[in-house]
Amino acid sequence: MKTRCILTIALCGIIMMLYGQPQADTWKQWSSLIGDWKGEGSGQPGQGGGTFSFKPDLDNNILVRKNHSEYPAMENNPEIIHDDLMIIYPDNNGSPVNAIYFDNEGHVINYTITYPDNAIILTSEKIQGMPTFRLSYIFLDKETVSVKFELSQDSEKFTTYIEGKSKRVNN
């Protein structure tokens, strides 16, 4: 009985070392985005502004993005207030290549993540009869990032829906 208990504890420890904790550099590619940001931009909803943040959570196992945007009323369109939450999480190898997005309009989007030079690009999974979405963060300097949200009907030709620049407020 005592031996079985010790073996069980040892096995749990090995599993936790292999799969339970993210590597120290899991969020290295995201380090330039961690903190609070304020931005302005334009697109389909019109000229607007907002804030977003990226913060590690759950003992550094996930990265949480919260976003709040406001677009003033224009002509016959009412004011738009948009809030969303995105969770970036590592795969079994500890690499952050997936994210899930939720917003106050009821949308849920699953993303895969790529890391070209000076950018982080999130592209939604292809779903029959639905547009493909692409969210890009392009680093302009240490304090400025260009953010672009695009959509595509064929997953190849993307059209910009919203685009703007954001400045770091704090780390």
Protein backbone atom coordinates (compact mmCIF):
# COMPACT_ATOMS: atom_id res chain seq x y z
CA MET A 1 0.00 0.00 0.00
CA LYS A 2 2.78 2.42 0.97
CA THR A 3 4.77 1.56 -2.18
CA ARG A 4 1.73 2.10 -4.42
CA CYS A 5 1.09 5.51 -2.85
CA ILE A 6 4.73 6.57 -3.38
CA LEU A 7 4.63 5.37 -7.02
CA THR A 8 1.38 7.26 -7.64
CA ILE A 9 2.84 10.49 -6.23
CA ALA A 10 6.03 10.05 -8.28
CA LEU A 11 4.03 9.41 -11.46
CA CYS A 12 1.90 12.53 -10.85
CA GLY A 13 5.10 14.56 -10.36
CA ILE A 14 6.56 13.33 -13.64
CA ILE A 15 3.33 14.12 -15.52
CA MET A 16 3.25 17.63 -14.01
CA MET A 17 6.89 18.23 -15.04
CA LEU A 18 6.19 17.10 -18.61
CA TYR A 19 2.77 18.64 -19.22
CA GLY A 20 1.63 20.71 -16.26
CA GLN A 21 3.76 23.84 -16.32
CA PRO A 22 4.51 26.12 -19.25
CA GLN A 23 8.14 26.66 -20.13
CA ALA A 24 9.74 29.86 -18.86
CA ASP A 25 9.75 31.31 -22.37
CA THR A 26 6.14 30.37 -23.27
CA TRP A 27 5.07 34.04 -23.53
CA LYS A 28 8.37 35.39 -24.95
CA GLN A 29 6.79 36.26 -28.32
CA TRP A 30 3.95 38.05 -26.49
CA SER A 31 6.12 40.02 -24.05
CA SER A 32 5.94 43.17 -26.20
CA LEU A 33 2.13 43.13 -25.92
CA ILE A 34 1.80 42.39 -22.20
CA GLY A 35 0.38 45.45 -20.47
CA ASP A 36 -2.30 48.08 -21.13
CA TRP A 37 -2.87 49.84 -24.45
CA LYS A 38 -4.98 52.71 -25.78
CA GLY A 39 -5.78 53.17 -29.44
CA GLU A 40 -7.73 54.88 -32.17
CA GLY A 41 -8.70 53.64 -35.56
CA SER A 42 -11.28 53.42 -38.28
CA GLY A 43 -13.17 50.87 -40.32
CA GLN A 44 -16.66 49.59 -41.06
CA PRO A 45 -18.15 50.84 -37.75
CA GLY A 46 -16.55 54.27 -38.32
CA GLN A 47 -13.92 56.24 -36.42
CA GLY A 48 -13.51 54.99 -32.87
CA GLY A 49 -11.23 54.35 -29.96
CA GLY A 50 -10.69 51.98 -27.12
CA THR A 51 -8.40 50.12 -24.80
CA PHE A 52 -7.07 46.60 -24.52
CA SER A 53 -4.78 44.67 -22.24
CA PHE A 54 -2.79 41.45 -22.27
CA LYS A 55 -2.15 39.86 -18.86
CA PRO A 56 -0.83 36.45 -17.83
CA ASP A 57 -3.27 34.49 -15.65
CA LEU A 58 -3.71 31.12 -13.94
CA ASP A 59 -0.10 31.00 -12.71
CA ASN A 60 1.22 32.09 -16.13
CA ASN A 61 -0.54 29.20 -17.92
CA ILE A 62 -2.70 31.44 -20.12
CA LEU A 63 -2.63 34.97 -21.49
CA VAL A 64 -5.86 36.98 -21.28
CA ARG A 65 -6.71 39.83 -23.62
CA LYS A 66 -9.58 42.15 -22.68
CA ASN A 67 -10.75 44.74 -25.19
CA HIS A 68 -13.21 47.65 -24.98
CA SER A 69 -14.04 49.77 -28.06
CA GLU A 70 -16.47 52.62 -28.62
CA TYR A 71 -17.73 54.02 -31.91
CA PRO A 72 -19.89 57.16 -31.68
CA ALA A 73 -23.30 57.38 -33.35
CA MET A 74 -23.09 58.42 -37.00
CA GLU A 75 -25.95 59.46 -39.29
CA ASN A 76 -28.55 56.69 -38.89
CA ASN A 77 -26.25 54.33 -36.95
CA PRO A 78 -26.39 54.18 -33.15
CA GLU A 79 -23.34 54.26 -30.89
CA ILE A 80 -21.51 50.91 -30.81
CA ILE A 81 -19.84 49.59 -27.67
CA HIS A 82 -17.83 46.43 -28.18
CA ASP A 83 -16.28 44.31 -25.42
CA ASP A 84 -14.41 41.07 -25.91
CA LEU A 85 -12.25 38.56 -24.12
CA MET A 86 -9.61 36.32 -25.67
CA ILE A 87 -7.64 33.54 -24.03
CA ILE A 88 -4.32 32.53 -25.57
CA TYR A 89 -3.11 29.13 -24.46
CA PRO A 90 -0.18 26.82 -25.17
CA ASP A 91 -0.44 23.44 -26.85
CA ASN A 92 0.94 20.27 -25.25
CA ASN A 93 4.46 21.31 -26.27
CA GLY A 94 4.15 24.63 -24.41
CA SER A 95 3.91 26.75 -27.55
CA PRO A 96 1.12 29.39 -27.64
CA VAL A 97 -0.44 28.58 -31.01
CA ASN A 98 -4.14 28.70 -30.12
CA ALA A 99 -6.64 31.26 -28.85
CA ILE A 100 -10.37 31.45 -28.23
CA TYR A 101 -12.34 34.70 -28.49
CA PHE A 102 -15.71 35.73 -27.00
CA ASP A 103 -17.56 39.05 -27.37
CA ASN A 104 -20.68 40.87 -26.17
CA GLU A 105 -22.37 40.17 -29.52
CA GLY A 106 -22.28 36.40 -28.90
CA HIS A 107 -19.40 35.57 -31.26
CA VAL A 108 -16.96 32.77 -30.47
CA ILE A 109 -13.87 32.45 -32.67
CA ASN A 110 -11.13 29.81 -32.47
CA TYR A 111 -7.78 31.07 -33.73
CA THR A 112 -4.43 29.58 -34.66
CA ILE A 113 -1.42 31.83 -34.17
CA THR A 114 1.65 32.46 -36.31
CA TYR A 115 4.69 34.61 -35.61
CA PRO A 116 6.14 36.27 -38.74
CA ASP A 117 8.84 38.94 -38.24
CA ASN A 118 7.68 41.80 -35.99
CA ALA A 119 4.09 40.55 -35.89
CA ILE A 120 1.64 38.16 -34.27
CA ILE A 121 -1.16 36.95 -36.53
CA LEU A 122 -4.26 35.11 -35.38
CA THR A 123 -6.33 33.40 -38.10
CA SER A 124 -9.68 31.75 -37.45
CA GLU A 125 -10.41 28.19 -38.36
CA LYS A 126 -12.11 27.66 -41.71
CA ILE A 127 -15.80 26.88 -41.28
CA GLN A 128 -18.05 26.12 -44.25
CA GLY A 129 -20.35 29.07 -44.99
CA MET A 130 -18.59 31.42 -42.54
CA PRO A 131 -15.98 34.11 -43.18
CA THR A 132 -12.41 33.58 -42.05
CA PHE A 133 -11.11 36.22 -39.64
CA ARG A 134 -7.56 37.48 -39.21
CA LEU A 135 -6.33 39.65 -36.35
CA SER A 136 -2.82 41.08 -36.75
CA TYR A 137 -0.57 42.86 -34.27
CA ILE A 138 2.35 44.52 -36.07
CA PHE A 139 5.04 46.01 -33.86
CA LEU A 140 6.00 49.50 -35.04
CA ASP A 141 8.28 50.23 -32.06
CA LYS A 142 8.43 49.32 -28.36
CA GLU A 143 5.49 51.57 -27.51
CA THR A 144 3.31 51.38 -30.65
CA VAL A 145 1.48 48.52 -32.32
CA SER A 146 -0.67 48.48 -35.43
CA VAL A 147 -3.80 46.36 -35.01
CA LYS A 148 -5.80 45.13 -37.98
CA PHE A 149 -8.94 42.96 -38.06
CA GLU A 150 -9.79 41.49 -41.45
CA LEU A 151 -12.25 39.04 -42.95
CA SER A 152 -12.33 36.82 -46.00
CA GLN A 153 -15.03 34.80 -47.74
CA ASP A 154 -12.50 32.51 -49.46
CA SER A 155 -9.76 32.39 -46.76
CA GLU A 156 -7.32 33.97 -49.23
CA LYS A 157 -8.35 37.55 -50.08
CA PHE A 158 -8.80 39.51 -46.84
CA THR A 159 -10.64 42.82 -46.51
CA THR A 160 -9.85 45.18 -43.64
CA TYR A 161 -12.79 45.68 -41.28
CA ILE A 162 -11.03 47.73 -38.58
CA GLU A 163 -7.50 49.13 -38.44
CA GLY A 164 -5.72 51.39 -35.99
CA LYS A 165 -2.65 52.16 -33.94
CA SER A 166 -2.31 51.70 -30.21
CA LYS A 167 0.14 53.16 -27.71
CA ARG A 168 1.30 51.44 -24.56
CA VAL A 169 -0.23 52.93 -21.41
CA ASN A 170 1.83 50.80 -18.98
CA ASN A 171 3.41 47.37 -18.54
